[in-house]
Amino acid sequence: MNARRTVAVGALAAALLSGCATRAPEPGTSVAEARFDALVVPGRTTRAELLAAFGPTKTVVFDSGMAAWLYTAPAAGGGHAELVLLLGRDGIVKKMRKRPPYPTDPAP
């Protein structure tokens, strides 16, 4: 009886604690475009600063050691703009580009 009670209490505690767990942000999570514009400066912003400000995102690493990072930002009409960064091997943003949502983009 005591063993059953211990198992039941353990299962209940695990269930309650799992409800408190938070999920990590999904890669490519939306960021505010104004905040992005204020914090990202090509030639100066670092990988560490991006992770601290916006979190992890979708990333493509090339054989050269450079990487492309993709963030999205809410746009008017319910779409999302793409915010693409090219990071050098040294971890500094080399280039950035914004793509506004196109009318043919799928709904988020």
PDB file of N, CA and C in Angstrom:
ATOM      1  N   MET A   1       0.826  -1.183   0.000  1.00  0.00           N
ATOM      2  CA  MET A   1       0.000   0.000   0.000  1.00  0.00           C
ATOM      3  C   MET A   1       0.873   1.251   0.000  1.00  0.00           C
ATOM      4  N   ASN A   2       1.941   1.233   0.810  1.00  0.00           N
ATOM      5  CA  ASN A   2       2.828   2.378   0.902  1.00  0.00           C
ATOM      6  C   ASN A   2       3.554   2.621  -0.422  1.00  0.00           C
ATOM      7  N   ALA A   3       3.932   1.549  -1.128  1.00  0.00           N
ATOM      8  CA  ALA A   3       4.607   1.682  -2.417  1.00  0.00           C
ATOM      9  C   ALA A   3       3.662   2.285  -3.448  1.00  0.00           C
ATOM     10  N   ARG A   4       2.391   1.880  -3.427  1.00  0.00           N
ATOM     11  CA  ARG A   4       1.405   2.438  -4.360  1.00  0.00           C
ATOM     12  C   ARG A   4       1.215   3.929  -4.110  1.00  0.00           C
ATOM     13  N   ARG A   5       1.190   4.265  -2.843  1.00  0.00           N
ATOM     14  CA  ARG A   5       1.007   5.682  -2.490  1.00  0.00           C
ATOM     15  C   ARG A   5       2.207   6.510  -2.982  1.00  0.00           C
ATOM     16  N   THR A   6       3.407   5.983  -2.829  1.00  0.00           N
ATOM     17  CA  THR A   6       4.606   6.680  -3.268  1.00  0.00           C
ATOM     18  C   THR A   6       4.589   6.873  -4.782  1.00  0.00           C
ATOM     19  N   VAL A   7       4.201   5.839  -5.512  1.00  0.00           N
ATOM     20  CA  VAL A   7       4.118   5.926  -6.966  1.00  0.00           C
ATOM     21  C   VAL A   7       3.049   6.942  -7.378  1.00  0.00           C
ATOM     22  N   ALA A   8       1.904   6.913  -6.718  1.00  0.00           N
ATOM     23  CA  ALA A   8       0.824   7.837  -7.048  1.00  0.00           C
ATOM     24  C   ALA A   8       1.233   9.279  -6.774  1.00  0.00           C
ATOM     25  N   VAL A   9       1.882   9.521  -5.654  1.00  0.00           N
ATOM     26  CA  VAL A   9       2.333  10.879  -5.313  1.00  0.00           C
ATOM     27  C   VAL A   9       3.401  11.332  -6.311  1.00  0.00           C
ATOM     28  N   GLY A  10       4.295  10.441  -6.672  1.00  0.00           N
ATOM     29  CA  GLY A  10       5.337  10.778  -7.652  1.00  0.00           C
ATOM     30  C   GLY A  10       4.744  11.114  -9.009  1.00  0.00           C
ATOM     31  N   ALA A  11       3.773  10.326  -9.445  1.00  0.00           N
ATOM     32  CA  ALA A  11       3.124  10.582 -10.732  1.00  0.00           C
ATOM     33  C   ALA A  11       2.372  11.911 -10.713  1.00  0.00           C
ATOM     34  N   LEU A  12       1.688  12.192  -9.621  1.00  0.00           N
ATOM     35  CA  LEU A  12       0.968  13.452  -9.488  1.00  0.00           C
ATOM     36  C   LEU A  12       1.931  14.637  -9.500  1.00  0.00           C
ATOM     37  N   ALA A  13       3.045  14.513  -8.787  1.00  0.00           N
ATOM     38  CA  ALA A  13       4.039  15.592  -8.759  1.00  0.00           C
ATOM     39  C   ALA A  13       4.623  15.827 -10.151  1.00  0.00           C
ATOM     40  N   ALA A  14       4.918  14.747 -10.867  1.00  0.00           N
ATOM     41  CA  ALA A  14       5.462  14.878 -12.220  1.00  0.00           C
ATOM     42  C   ALA A  14       4.457  15.559 -13.141  1.00  0.00           C
ATOM     43  N   ALA A  15       3.193  15.195 -13.034  1.00  0.00           N
ATOM     44  CA  ALA A  15       2.162  15.809 -13.870  1.00  0.00           C
ATOM     45  C   ALA A  15       2.023  17.293 -13.573  1.00  0.00           C
ATOM     46  N   LEU A  16       2.049  17.646 -12.301  1.00  0.00           N
ATOM     47  CA  LEU A  16       1.922  19.057 -11.938  1.00  0.00           C
ATOM     48  C   LEU A  16       3.132  19.868 -12.396  1.00  0.00           C
ATOM     49  N   LEU A  17       4.314  19.320 -12.233  1.00  0.00           N
ATOM     50  CA  LEU A  17       5.518  20.037 -12.636  1.00  0.00           C
ATOM     51  C   LEU A  17       5.638  20.150 -14.152  1.00  0.00           C
ATOM     52  N   SER A  18       5.169  19.166 -14.883  1.00  0.00           N
ATOM     53  CA  SER A  18       5.251  19.246 -16.337  1.00  0.00           C
ATOM     54  C   SER A  18       4.356  20.353 -16.867  1.00  0.00           C
ATOM     55  N   GLY A  19       3.287  20.676 -16.160  1.00  0.00           N
ATOM     56  CA  GLY A  19       2.426  21.785 -16.568  1.00  0.00           C
ATOM     57  C   GLY A  19       3.097  23.126 -16.392  1.00  0.00           C
ATOM     58  N   CYS A  20       4.115  23.203 -15.535  1.00  0.00           N
ATOM     59  CA  CYS A  20       4.837  24.453 -15.298  1.00  0.00           C
ATOM     60  C   CYS A  20       6.003  24.639 -16.258  1.00  0.00           C
ATOM     61  N   ALA A  21       6.375  23.599 -16.954  1.00  0.00           N
ATOM     62  CA  ALA A  21       7.518  23.685 -17.856  1.00  0.00           C
ATOM     63  C   ALA A  21       7.203  24.626 -19.005  1.00  0.00           C
ATOM     64  N   THR A  22       8.193  25.400 -19.408  1.00  0.00           N
ATOM     65  CA  THR A  22       8.015  26.302 -20.535  1.00  0.00           C
ATOM     66  C   THR A  22       8.788  25.758 -21.712  1.00  0.00           C
ATOM     67  N   ARG A  23       8.287  26.019 -22.882  1.00  0.00           N
ATOM     68  CA  ARG A  23       8.952  25.573 -24.093  1.00  0.00           C
ATOM     69  C   ARG A  23       9.907  26.649 -24.574  1.00  0.00           C
ATOM     70  N   ALA A  24      10.991  26.224 -25.195  1.00  0.00           N
ATOM     71  CA  ALA A  24      11.914  27.174 -25.813  1.00  0.00           C
ATOM     72  C   ALA A  24      11.206  27.817 -27.003  1.00  0.00           C
ATOM     73  N   PRO A  25      11.564  29.056 -27.325  1.00  0.00           N
ATOM     74  CA  PRO A  25      10.921  29.694 -28.462  1.00  0.00           C
ATOM     75  C   PRO A  25      11.205  28.930 -29.746  1.00  0.00           C
ATOM     76  N   GLU A  26      10.228  28.875 -30.609  1.00  0.00           N
ATOM     77  CA  GLU A  26      10.401  28.203 -31.890  1.00  0.00           C
ATOM     78  C   GLU A  26      11.420  28.970 -32.721  1.00  0.00           C
ATOM     79  N   PRO A  27      12.262  28.253 -33.486  1.00  0.00           N
ATOM     80  CA  PRO A  27      13.205  28.950 -34.358  1.00  0.00           C
ATOM     81  C   PRO A  27      12.455  29.862 -35.331  1.00  0.00           C
ATOM     82  N   GLY A  28      13.001  31.027 -35.570  1.00  0.00           N
ATOM     83  CA  GLY A  28      12.367  31.967 -36.476  1.00  0.00           C
ATOM     84  C   GLY A  28      11.212  32.713 -35.851  1.00  0.00           C
ATOM     85  N   THR A  29      11.142  32.710 -34.529  1.00  0.00           N
ATOM     86  CA  THR A  29      10.067  33.395 -33.840  1.00  0.00           C
ATOM     87  C   THR A  29      10.045  34.853 -34.253  1.00  0.00           C
ATOM     88  N   SER A  30       8.851  35.408 -34.338  1.00  0.00           N
ATOM     89  CA  SER A  30       8.695  36.801 -34.748  1.00  0.00           C
ATOM     90  C   SER A  30       9.345  37.748 -33.763  1.00  0.00           C
ATOM     91  N   VAL A  31       9.950  38.788 -34.302  1.00  0.00           N
ATOM     92  CA  VAL A  31      10.532  39.863 -33.509  1.00  0.00           C
ATOM     93  C   VAL A  31       9.942  41.176 -34.004  1.00  0.00           C
ATOM     94  N   ALA A  32       9.959  42.180 -33.169  1.00  0.00           N
ATOM     95  CA  ALA A  32       9.459  43.496 -33.574  1.00  0.00           C
ATOM     96  C   ALA A  32      10.464  44.121 -34.539  1.00  0.00           C
ATOM     97  N   GLU A  33       9.984  44.536 -35.698  1.00  0.00           N
ATOM     98  CA  GLU A  33      10.879  45.086 -36.718  1.00  0.00           C
ATOM     99  C   GLU A  33      11.589  46.348 -36.222  1.00  0.00           C
ATOM    100  N   ALA A  34      10.901  47.192 -35.459  1.00  0.00           N
ATOM    101  CA  ALA A  34      11.520  48.418 -34.944  1.00  0.00           C
ATOM    102  C   ALA A  34      12.686  48.073 -34.012  1.00  0.00           C
ATOM    103  N   ARG A  35      12.509  47.061 -33.172  1.00  0.00           N
ATOM    104  CA  ARG A  35      13.583  46.635 -32.264  1.00  0.00           C
ATOM    105  C   ARG A  35      14.740  46.040 -33.050  1.00  0.00           C
ATOM    106  N   PHE A  36      14.415  45.285 -34.074  1.00  0.00           N
ATOM    107  CA  PHE A  36      15.418  44.694 -34.953  1.00  0.00           C
ATOM    108  C   PHE A  36      16.255  45.806 -35.600  1.00  0.00           C
ATOM    109  N   ASP A  37      15.558  46.827 -36.140  1.00  0.00           N
ATOM    110  CA  ASP A  37      16.256  47.941 -36.782  1.00  0.00           C
ATOM    111  C   ASP A  37      17.151  48.693 -35.809  1.00  0.00           C
ATOM    112  N   ALA A  38      16.714  48.821 -34.572  1.00  0.00           N
ATOM    113  CA  ALA A  38      17.479  49.567 -33.578  1.00  0.00           C
ATOM    114  C   ALA A  38      18.723  48.813 -33.098  1.00  0.00           C
ATOM    115  N   LEU A  39      18.655  47.489 -33.070  1.00  0.00           N
ATOM    116  CA  LEU A  39      19.744  46.712 -32.479  1.00  0.00           C
ATOM    117  C   LEU A  39      20.728  46.102 -33.478  1.00  0.00           C
ATOM    118  N   VAL A  40      20.303  45.903 -34.722  1.00  0.00           N
ATOM    119  CA  VAL A  40      21.167  45.221 -35.683  1.00  0.00           C
ATOM    120  C   VAL A  40      21.870  46.247 -36.575  1.00  0.00           C
ATOM    121  N   VAL A  41      23.200  46.256 -36.477  1.00  0.00           N
ATOM    122  CA  VAL A  41      24.026  47.162 -37.281  1.00  0.00           C
ATOM    123  C   VAL A  41      25.085  46.321 -37.988  1.00  0.00           C
ATOM    124  N   PRO A  42      24.998  46.193 -39.322  1.00  0.00           N
ATOM    125  CA  PRO A  42      26.016  45.423 -40.033  1.00  0.00           C
ATOM    126  C   PRO A  42      27.419  45.966 -39.738  1.00  0.00           C
ATOM    127  N   GLY A  43      28.352  45.030 -39.540  1.00  0.00           N
ATOM    128  CA  GLY A  43      29.716  45.393 -39.238  1.00  0.00           C
ATOM    129  C   GLY A  43      29.984  45.574 -37.744  1.00  0.00           C
ATOM    130  N   ARG A  44      28.921  45.549 -36.924  1.00  0.00           N
ATOM    131  CA  ARG A  44      29.112  45.754 -35.489  1.00  0.00           C
ATOM    132  C   ARG A  44      28.376  44.735 -34.614  1.00  0.00           C
ATOM    133  N   THR A  45      27.141  44.374 -34.956  1.00  0.00           N
ATOM    134  CA  THR A  45      26.348  43.463 -34.125  1.00  0.00           C
ATOM    135  C   THR A  45      26.941  42.056 -34.176  1.00  0.00           C
ATOM    136  N   THR A  46      27.029  41.407 -33.011  1.00  0.00           N
ATOM    137  CA  THR A  46      27.628  40.077 -32.926  1.00  0.00           C
ATOM    138  C   THR A  46      26.560  38.991 -32.764  1.00  0.00           C
ATOM    139  N   ARG A  47      26.993  37.759 -32.986  1.00  0.00           N
ATOM    140  CA  ARG A  47      26.135  36.587 -32.806  1.00  0.00           C
ATOM    141  C   ARG A  47      25.582  36.546 -31.382  1.00  0.00           C
ATOM    142  N   ALA A  48      26.430  36.810 -30.402  1.00  0.00           N
ATOM    143  CA  ALA A  48      25.998  36.786 -29.003  1.00  0.00           C
ATOM    144  C   ALA A  48      24.927  37.845 -28.736  1.00  0.00           C
ATOM    145  N   GLU A  49      25.080  39.021 -29.316  1.00  0.00           N
ATOM    146  CA  GLU A  49      24.077  40.075 -29.136  1.00  0.00           C
ATOM    147  C   GLU A  49      22.738  39.681 -29.763  1.00  0.00           C
ATOM    148  N   LEU A  50      22.782  39.033 -30.921  1.00  0.00           N
ATOM    149  CA  LEU A  50      21.544  38.573 -31.568  1.00  0.00           C
ATOM    150  C   LEU A  50      20.836  37.543 -30.695  1.00  0.00           C
ATOM    151  N   LEU A  51      21.588  36.589 -30.181  1.00  0.00           N
ATOM    152  CA  LEU A  51      20.983  35.555 -29.340  1.00  0.00           C
ATOM    153  C   LEU A  51      20.399  36.151 -28.068  1.00  0.00           C
ATOM    154  N   ALA A  52      21.096  37.117 -27.482  1.00  0.00           N
ATOM    155  CA  ALA A  52      20.596  37.747 -26.259  1.00  0.00           C
ATOM    156  C   ALA A  52      19.333  38.568 -26.529  1.00  0.00           C
ATOM    157  N   ALA A  53      19.281  39.248 -27.661  1.00  0.00           N
ATOM    158  CA  ALA A  53      18.151  40.138 -27.960  1.00  0.00           C
ATOM    159  C   ALA A  53      16.946  39.403 -28.527  1.00  0.00           C
ATOM    160  N   PHE A  54      17.177  38.419 -29.395  1.00  0.00           N
ATOM    161  CA  PHE A  54      16.072  37.793 -30.128  1.00  0.00           C
ATOM    162  C   PHE A  54      15.949  36.288 -29.937  1.00  0.00           C
ATOM    163  N   GLY A  55      16.945  35.651 -29.378  1.00  0.00           N
ATOM    164  CA  GLY A  55      16.899  34.209 -29.198  1.00  0.00           C
ATOM    165  C   GLY A  55      17.342  33.464 -30.446  1.00  0.00           C
ATOM    166  N   PRO A  56      17.313  32.127 -30.370  1.00  0.00           N
ATOM    167  CA  PRO A  56      17.732  31.312 -31.516  1.00  0.00           C
ATOM    168  C   PRO A  56      16.727  31.419 -32.653  1.00  0.00           C
ATOM    169  N   THR A  57      17.183  31.097 -33.842  1.00  0.00           N
ATOM    170  CA  THR A  57      16.322  31.182 -35.016  1.00  0.00           C
ATOM    171  C   THR A  57      16.742  30.155 -36.053  1.00  0.00           C
ATOM    172  N   LYS A  58      16.073  30.178 -37.185  1.00  0.00           N
ATOM    173  CA  LYS A  58      16.449  29.287 -38.283  1.00  0.00           C
ATOM    174  C   LYS A  58      17.801  29.744 -38.814  1.00  0.00           C
ATOM    175  N   THR A  59      18.709  28.784 -38.997  1.00  0.00           N
ATOM    176  CA  THR A  59      20.073  29.100 -39.386  1.00  0.00           C
ATOM    177  C   THR A  59      20.557  28.141 -40.458  1.00  0.00           C
ATOM    178  N   VAL A  60      21.298  28.686 -41.422  1.00  0.00           N
ATOM    179  CA  VAL A  60      21.981  27.874 -42.425  1.00  0.00           C
ATOM    180  C   VAL A  60      23.453  28.227 -42.330  1.00  0.00           C
ATOM    181  N   VAL A  61      24.296  27.214 -42.085  1.00  0.00           N
ATOM    182  CA  VAL A  61      25.735  27.429 -41.998  1.00  0.00           C
ATOM    183  C   VAL A  61      26.371  26.900 -43.279  1.00  0.00           C
ATOM    184  N   PHE A  62      27.180  27.733 -43.910  1.00  0.00           N
ATOM    185  CA  PHE A  62      27.835  27.375 -45.160  1.00  0.00           C
ATOM    186  C   PHE A  62      29.212  26.790 -44.892  1.00  0.00           C
ATOM    187  N   ASP A  63      29.749  26.067 -45.881  1.00  0.00           N
ATOM    188  CA  ASP A  63      31.074  25.460 -45.740  1.00  0.00           C
ATOM    189  C   ASP A  63      32.143  26.498 -45.443  1.00  0.00           C
ATOM    190  N   SER A  64      31.931  27.722 -45.879  1.00  0.00           N
ATOM    191  CA  SER A  64      32.905  28.793 -45.670  1.00  0.00           C
ATOM    192  C   SER A  64      32.957  29.245 -44.213  1.00  0.00           C
ATOM    193  N   GLY A  65      31.981  28.803 -43.405  1.00  0.00           N
ATOM    194  CA  GLY A  65      31.902  29.233 -42.018  1.00  0.00           C
ATOM    195  C   GLY A  65      30.941  30.384 -41.808  1.00  0.00           C
ATOM    196  N   MET A  66      30.479  30.991 -42.901  1.00  0.00           N
ATOM    197  CA  MET A  66      29.489  32.055 -42.795  1.00  0.00           C
ATOM    198  C   MET A  66      28.129  31.422 -42.536  1.00  0.00           C
ATOM    199  N   ALA A  67      27.196  32.210 -42.010  1.00  0.00           N
ATOM    200  CA  ALA A  67      25.874  31.679 -41.687  1.00  0.00           C
ATOM    201  C   ALA A  67      24.801  32.700 -42.053  1.00  0.00           C
ATOM    202  N   ALA A  68      23.652  32.200 -42.478  1.00  0.00           N
ATOM    203  CA  ALA A  68      22.479  33.035 -42.733  1.00  0.00           C
ATOM    204  C   ALA A  68      21.467  32.744 -41.641  1.00  0.00           C
ATOM    205  N   TRP A  69      20.944  33.793 -41.013  1.00  0.00           N
ATOM    206  CA  TRP A  69      19.943  33.675 -39.948  1.00  0.00           C
ATOM    207  C   TRP A  69      18.669  34.326 -40.433  1.00  0.00           C
ATOM    208  N   LEU A  70      17.522  33.702 -40.135  1.00  0.00           N
ATOM    209  CA  LEU A  70      16.224  34.214 -40.563  1.00  0.00           C
ATOM    210  C   LEU A  70      15.348  34.508 -39.356  1.00  0.00           C
ATOM    211  N   TYR A  71      14.897  35.751 -39.261  1.00  0.00           N
ATOM    212  CA  TYR A  71      13.881  36.143 -38.291  1.00  0.00           C
ATOM    213  C   TYR A  71      12.680  36.631 -39.081  1.00  0.00           C
ATOM    214  N   THR A  72      11.530  36.697 -38.456  1.00  0.00           N
ATOM    215  CA  THR A  72      10.349  37.263 -39.093  1.00  0.00           C
ATOM    216  C   THR A  72       9.794  38.371 -38.214  1.00  0.00           C
ATOM    217  N   ALA A  73       9.040  39.269 -38.844  1.00  0.00           N
ATOM    218  CA  ALA A  73       8.417  40.375 -38.116  1.00  0.00           C
ATOM    219  C   ALA A  73       6.987  40.522 -38.603  1.00  0.00           C
ATOM    220  N   PRO A  74       6.030  40.712 -37.683  1.00  0.00           N
ATOM    221  CA  PRO A  74       4.647  40.916 -38.101  1.00  0.00           C
ATOM    222  C   PRO A  74       4.545  42.134 -39.011  1.00  0.00           C
ATOM    223  N   ALA A  75       3.711  42.027 -40.031  1.00  0.00           N
ATOM    224  CA  ALA A  75       3.502  43.132 -40.968  1.00  0.00           C
ATOM    225  C   ALA A  75       2.002  43.420 -41.071  1.00  0.00           C
ATOM    226  N   ALA A  76       1.700  44.549 -41.649  1.00  0.00           N
ATOM    227  CA  ALA A  76       0.298  44.925 -41.839  1.00  0.00           C
ATOM    228  C   ALA A  76      -0.406  43.879 -42.702  1.00  0.00           C
ATOM    229  N   GLY A  77      -1.664  43.660 -42.433  1.00  0.00           N
ATOM    230  CA  GLY A  77      -2.437  42.694 -43.203  1.00  0.00           C
ATOM    231  C   GLY A  77      -2.277  41.266 -42.734  1.00  0.00           C
ATOM    232  N   GLY A  78      -1.596  41.060 -41.618  1.00  0.00           N
ATOM    233  CA  GLY A  78      -1.483  39.721 -41.064  1.00  0.00           C
ATOM    234  C   GLY A  78      -0.320  38.907 -41.582  1.00  0.00           C
ATOM    235  N   GLY A  79       0.469  39.439 -42.514  1.00  0.00           N
ATOM    236  CA  GLY A  79       1.612  38.705 -43.031  1.00  0.00           C
ATOM    237  C   GLY A  79       2.839  38.890 -42.163  1.00  0.00           C
ATOM    238  N   HIS A  80       3.943  38.343 -42.622  1.00  0.00           N
ATOM    239  CA  HIS A  80       5.213  38.471 -41.907  1.00  0.00           C
ATOM    240  C   HIS A  80       6.310  38.872 -42.878  1.00  0.00           C
ATOM    241  N   ALA A  81       7.103  39.862 -42.483  1.00  0.00           N
ATOM    242  CA  ALA A  81       8.282  40.238 -43.252  1.00  0.00           C
ATOM    243  C   ALA A  81       9.426  39.321 -42.835  1.00  0.00           C
ATOM    244  N   GLU A  82      10.342  39.038 -43.758  1.00  0.00           N
ATOM    245  CA  GLU A  82      11.527  38.246 -43.442  1.00  0.00           C
ATOM    246  C   GLU A  82      12.690  39.180 -43.162  1.00  0.00           C
ATOM    247  N   LEU A  83      13.437  38.881 -42.126  1.00  0.00           N
ATOM    248  CA  LEU A  83      14.621  39.642 -41.756  1.00  0.00           C
ATOM    249  C   LEU A  83      15.789  38.665 -41.821  1.00  0.00           C
ATOM    250  N   VAL A  84      16.627  38.803 -42.837  1.00  0.00           N
ATOM    251  CA  VAL A  84      17.705  37.846 -43.086  1.00  0.00           C
ATOM    252  C   VAL A  84      19.046  38.506 -42.807  1.00  0.00           C
ATOM    253  N   LEU A  85      19.889  37.799 -42.052  1.00  0.00           N
ATOM    254  CA  LEU A  85      21.216  38.295 -41.696  1.00  0.00           C
ATOM    255  C   LEU A  85      22.281  37.352 -42.217  1.00  0.00           C
ATOM    256  N   LEU A  86      23.385  37.915 -42.684  1.00  0.00           N
ATOM    257  CA  LEU A  86      24.549  37.123 -43.067  1.00  0.00           C
ATOM    258  C   LEU A  86      25.633  37.403 -42.044  1.00  0.00           C
ATOM    259  N   LEU A  87      26.050  36.355 -41.333  1.00  0.00           N
ATOM    260  CA  LEU A  87      27.091  36.484 -40.313  1.00  0.00           C
ATOM    261  C   LEU A  87      28.390  35.898 -40.840  1.00  0.00           C
ATOM    262  N   GLY A  88      29.487  36.606 -40.577  1.00  0.00           N
ATOM    263  CA  GLY A  88      30.804  36.135 -40.992  1.00  0.00           C
ATOM    264  C   GLY A  88      31.335  35.076 -40.053  1.00  0.00           C
ATOM    265  N   ARG A  89      32.476  34.518 -40.424  1.00  0.00           N
ATOM    266  CA  ARG A  89      33.116  33.499 -39.573  1.00  0.00           C
ATOM    267  C   ARG A  89      33.450  34.057 -38.201  1.00  0.00           C
ATOM    268  N   ASP A  90      33.648  35.356 -38.125  1.00  0.00           N
ATOM    269  CA  ASP A  90      33.984  35.997 -36.852  1.00  0.00           C
ATOM    270  C   ASP A  90      32.757  36.255 -35.976  1.00  0.00           C
ATOM    271  N   GLY A  91      31.547  35.909 -36.490  1.00  0.00           N
ATOM    272  CA  GLY A  91      30.327  36.077 -35.708  1.00  0.00           C
ATOM    273  C   GLY A  91      29.745  37.470 -35.753  1.00  0.00           C
ATOM    274  N   ILE A  92      30.211  38.295 -36.665  1.00  0.00           N
ATOM    275  CA  ILE A  92      29.684  39.658 -36.805  1.00  0.00           C
ATOM    276  C   ILE A  92      28.775  39.730 -38.023  1.00  0.00           C
ATOM    277  N   VAL A  93      27.652  40.453 -37.893  1.00  0.00           N
ATOM    278  CA  VAL A  93      26.708  40.623 -38.998  1.00  0.00           C
ATOM    279  C   VAL A  93      27.405  41.368 -40.126  1.00  0.00           C
ATOM    280  N   LYS A  94      27.418  40.776 -41.313  1.00  0.00           N
ATOM    281  CA  LYS A  94      28.038  41.397 -42.485  1.00  0.00           C
ATOM    282  C   LYS A  94      26.999  42.140 -43.324  1.00  0.00           C
ATOM    283  N   LYS A  95      25.834  41.509 -43.497  1.00  0.00           N
ATOM    284  CA  LYS A  95      24.775  42.099 -44.314  1.00  0.00           C
ATOM    285  C   LYS A  95      23.433  41.767 -43.697  1.00  0.00           C
ATOM    286  N   MET A  96      22.433  42.589 -44.019  1.00  0.00           N
ATOM    287  CA  MET A  96      21.067  42.272 -43.621  1.00  0.00           C
ATOM    288  C   MET A  96      20.132  42.692 -44.747  1.00  0.00           C
ATOM    289  N   ARG A  97      19.016  41.976 -44.818  1.00  0.00           N
ATOM    290  CA  ARG A  97      18.022  42.277 -45.847  1.00  0.00           C
ATOM    291  C   ARG A  97      16.652  42.044 -45.259  1.00  0.00           C
ATOM    292  N   LYS A  98      15.700  42.849 -45.713  1.00  0.00           N
ATOM    293  CA  LYS A  98      14.302  42.687 -45.294  1.00  0.00           C
ATOM    294  C   LYS A  98      13.475  42.399 -46.531  1.00  0.00           C
ATOM    295  N   ARG A  99      12.590  41.431 -46.409  1.00  0.00           N
ATOM    296  CA  ARG A  99      11.674  41.130 -47.505  1.00  0.00           C
ATOM    297  C   ARG A  99      10.268  41.339 -46.983  1.00  0.00           C
ATOM    298  N   PRO A 100       9.532  42.262 -47.583  1.00  0.00           N
ATOM    299  CA  PRO A 100       8.145  42.470 -47.143  1.00  0.00           C
ATOM    300  C   PRO A 100       7.296  41.258 -47.521  1.00  0.00           C
ATOM    301  N   PRO A 101       6.170  41.076 -46.862  1.00  0.00           N
ATOM    302  CA  PRO A 101       5.307  39.951 -47.240  1.00  0.00           C
ATOM    303  C   PRO A 101       4.736  40.159 -48.640  1.00  0.00           C
ATOM    304  N   TYR A 102       4.665  39.077 -49.386  1.00  0.00           N
ATOM    305  CA  TYR A 102       4.073  39.117 -50.711  1.00  0.00           C
ATOM    306  C   TYR A 102       2.625  38.672 -50.620  1.00  0.00           C
ATOM    307  N   PRO A 103       1.768  39.148 -51.520  1.00  0.00           N
ATOM    308  CA  PRO A 103       0.354  38.735 -51.486  1.00  0.00           C
ATOM    309  C   PRO A 103       0.169  37.230 -51.630  1.00  0.00           C
ATOM    310  N   THR A 104       1.124  36.547 -52.233  1.00  0.00           N
ATOM    311  CA  THR A 104       1.003  35.103 -52.447  1.00  0.00           C
ATOM    312  C   THR A 104       1.542  34.267 -51.291  1.00  0.00           C
ATOM    313  N   ASP A 105       2.105  34.914 -50.256  1.00  0.00           N
ATOM    314  CA  ASP A 105       2.613  34.172 -49.108  1.00  0.00           C
ATOM    315  C   ASP A 105       1.476  33.451 -48.404  1.00  0.00           C
ATOM    316  N   PRO A 106       1.721  32.243 -47.903  1.00  0.00           N
ATOM    317  CA  PRO A 106       0.671  31.543 -47.146  1.00  0.00           C
ATOM    318  C   PRO A 106       0.369  32.278 -45.846  1.00  0.00           C
ATOM    319  N   ALA A 107      -0.830  32.113 -45.384  1.00  0.00           N
ATOM    320  CA  ALA A 107      -1.236  32.739 -44.112  1.00  0.00           C
ATOM    321  C   ALA A 107      -0.444  32.127 -42.972  1.00  0.00           C
ATOM    322  N   PRO A 108      -0.048  32.942 -41.953  1.00  0.00           N
ATOM    323  CA  PRO A 108       0.738  32.398 -40.845  1.00  0.00           C
ATOM    324  C   PRO A 108      -0.043  31.437 -39.992  1.00  0.00           C
TER     325      PRO A 108
END
